[in-house]
Amino acid sequence: MTLPIDWSTLAAPGLDDFETLALAAHAALPEAFRQLTGEVIVRIADFPEDDVLDEMGLESPFDLLGLFQGVGLAHGAATAATGQMPNQVWLYRRPILDYWSEHDETLGAIVTHVLVHEIGHHFGLSDDDMEAIEAAAG
């Protein structure tokens, strides 16, 4: 028999916790895929910036769980041009926590899903390709 969790002492996972989850999710990806990601930087924030919401036509910051920013390999960006910002994947803590509260998935599984989906944009992968990578990550 497992002991119940004392929820009265627990706080919502913070930005550092999300970074730890994202690093663990990245480390669990298939080796070949992980090596291909190269210099993609993973960033964690509570919410997307207002200009991102405006650009995407979103009304609520809770509508976006993650975002790939940069020029993906599918668009011929094997290396960054001079002055070009590095490719980044953003994971947004508060929208992910909100999604988690409404679904029957672990937080780690959701972070992995968002990470794979956003990295998948970097490579121009299909949804089927991304699902296979997620399955291989466990």
Protein backbone atom coordinates (compact mmCIF):
# COMPACT_ATOMS: atom_id res chain seq x y z
CA MET A 1 0.00 0.00 0.00
CA THR A 2 1.36 3.40 -0.92
CA LEU A 3 1.10 6.30 1.45
CA PRO A 4 -1.03 9.23 0.31
CA ILE A 5 0.80 12.34 -0.83
CA ASP A 6 0.61 15.23 1.62
CA TRP A 7 -0.66 17.81 -0.86
CA SER A 8 -0.79 20.50 1.84
CA THR A 9 3.00 20.89 1.60
CA LEU A 10 3.36 20.88 -2.17
CA ALA A 11 3.59 23.93 -4.44
CA ALA A 12 3.09 24.09 -8.19
CA PRO A 13 6.28 23.26 -10.12
CA GLY A 14 8.29 26.42 -10.75
CA LEU A 15 10.42 27.50 -13.69
CA ASP A 16 13.44 25.56 -12.39
CA ASP A 17 11.29 22.43 -12.03
CA PHE A 18 10.16 22.84 -15.63
CA GLU A 19 13.73 23.22 -16.79
CA THR A 20 14.56 19.97 -15.00
CA LEU A 21 11.55 18.26 -16.65
CA ALA A 22 12.54 19.60 -20.07
CA LEU A 23 16.16 18.46 -19.69
CA ALA A 24 14.98 15.00 -18.59
CA ALA A 25 12.55 14.85 -21.52
CA HIS A 26 15.31 15.86 -23.94
CA ALA A 27 17.70 13.26 -22.46
CA ALA A 28 15.05 10.54 -22.93
CA LEU A 29 14.62 11.26 -26.65
CA PRO A 30 16.11 8.74 -29.08
CA GLU A 31 19.86 9.34 -29.39
CA ALA A 32 19.80 9.95 -33.16
CA PHE A 33 17.04 12.55 -32.82
CA ARG A 34 18.74 14.23 -29.86
CA GLN A 35 22.02 14.56 -31.78
CA LEU A 36 20.19 16.15 -34.70
CA THR A 37 18.71 18.86 -32.48
CA GLY A 38 22.18 20.34 -32.17
CA GLU A 39 22.10 23.95 -31.06
CA VAL A 40 18.37 24.31 -30.43
CA ILE A 41 18.01 26.15 -27.11
CA VAL A 42 15.17 25.21 -24.73
CA ARG A 43 13.74 28.13 -22.76
CA ILE A 44 11.12 28.16 -20.02
CA ALA A 45 8.77 31.08 -19.27
CA ASP A 46 5.51 31.45 -17.42
CA PHE A 47 3.69 32.82 -20.49
CA PRO A 48 4.45 33.85 -24.07
CA GLU A 49 5.27 37.51 -24.65
CA ASP A 50 2.40 39.77 -25.75
CA ASP A 51 3.94 40.30 -29.20
CA VAL A 52 3.92 36.50 -29.74
CA LEU A 53 0.23 36.35 -28.81
CA ASP A 54 -0.54 39.28 -31.13
CA GLU A 55 1.45 37.80 -34.02
CA MET A 56 -0.36 34.46 -33.66
CA GLY A 57 -3.78 36.07 -33.18
CA LEU A 58 -4.30 34.43 -29.79
CA GLU A 59 -6.64 35.99 -27.26
CA SER A 60 -5.31 34.25 -24.17
CA PRO A 61 -1.77 33.43 -23.04
CA PHE A 62 -3.17 30.04 -21.98
CA ASP A 63 -3.73 29.13 -25.65
CA LEU A 64 -0.03 28.40 -26.32
CA LEU A 65 1.88 25.61 -24.57
CA GLY A 66 5.12 25.95 -26.52
CA LEU A 67 6.70 27.68 -29.48
CA PHE A 68 9.58 27.13 -31.89
CA GLN A 69 11.28 30.41 -32.79
CA GLY A 70 13.87 30.56 -35.51
CA VAL A 71 14.45 29.16 -38.95
CA GLY A 72 13.86 25.43 -39.12
CA LEU A 73 15.99 22.95 -41.00
CA ALA A 74 12.98 22.29 -43.22
CA HIS A 75 13.45 25.87 -44.47
CA GLY A 76 17.14 25.46 -45.25
CA ALA A 77 18.63 26.78 -42.01
CA ALA A 78 21.52 24.41 -41.41
CA THR A 79 23.53 27.20 -39.80
CA ALA A 80 22.58 30.55 -38.34
CA ALA A 81 23.24 33.61 -40.44
CA THR A 82 25.29 36.44 -38.99
CA GLY A 83 23.12 38.42 -36.60
CA GLN A 84 20.39 35.80 -36.56
CA MET A 85 19.17 34.69 -33.14
CA PRO A 86 19.69 30.97 -32.38
CA ASN A 87 16.77 28.60 -32.82
CA GLN A 88 14.81 28.27 -29.59
CA VAL A 89 12.02 26.16 -28.20
CA TRP A 90 9.88 27.88 -25.58
CA LEU A 91 7.87 25.90 -23.03
CA TYR A 92 5.24 27.94 -21.21
CA ARG A 93 4.77 26.81 -17.60
CA ARG A 94 1.37 28.25 -16.71
CA PRO A 95 -0.47 27.08 -19.87
CA ILE A 96 1.13 23.63 -19.50
CA LEU A 97 0.02 23.46 -15.85
CA ASP A 98 -3.48 24.52 -16.90
CA TYR A 99 -3.57 21.81 -19.58
CA TRP A 100 -2.26 19.26 -17.04
CA SER A 101 -5.06 20.10 -14.60
CA GLU A 102 -7.66 19.30 -17.26
CA HIS A 103 -6.20 16.07 -18.67
CA ASP A 104 -5.31 12.62 -17.45
CA GLU A 105 -1.61 12.70 -18.36
CA THR A 106 1.51 13.09 -16.27
CA LEU A 107 3.24 16.45 -16.28
CA GLY A 108 6.39 14.79 -17.61
CA ALA A 109 4.46 13.30 -20.54
CA ILE A 110 2.97 16.69 -21.41
CA VAL A 111 6.35 18.45 -21.25
CA THR A 112 7.83 15.71 -23.47
CA HIS A 113 4.95 16.06 -25.95
CA VAL A 114 5.32 19.84 -26.21
CA LEU A 115 9.12 19.61 -26.47
CA VAL A 116 8.99 16.97 -29.24
CA HIS A 117 6.27 18.88 -31.09
CA GLU A 118 8.21 22.14 -31.04
CA ILE A 119 11.54 20.51 -31.94
CA GLY A 120 9.64 18.70 -34.70
CA HIS A 121 8.86 22.10 -36.24
CA HIS A 122 12.61 22.69 -36.44
CA PHE A 123 12.92 19.59 -38.63
CA GLY A 124 9.64 19.95 -40.52
CA LEU A 125 8.41 16.59 -39.17
CA SER A 126 4.89 15.31 -39.61
CA ASP A 127 2.61 14.60 -36.65
CA ASP A 128 3.13 10.86 -37.26
CA ASP A 129 6.92 11.31 -37.11
CA MET A 130 6.61 13.22 -33.84
CA GLU A 131 4.31 10.60 -32.33
CA ALA A 132 6.88 7.90 -33.16
CA ILE A 133 9.64 9.90 -31.46
CA GLU A 134 7.46 10.43 -28.38
CA ALA A 135 6.69 6.70 -28.25
CA ALA A 136 10.39 5.89 -28.45
CA ALA A 137 11.07 8.33 -25.60
CA GLY A 138 8.64 6.39 -23.40
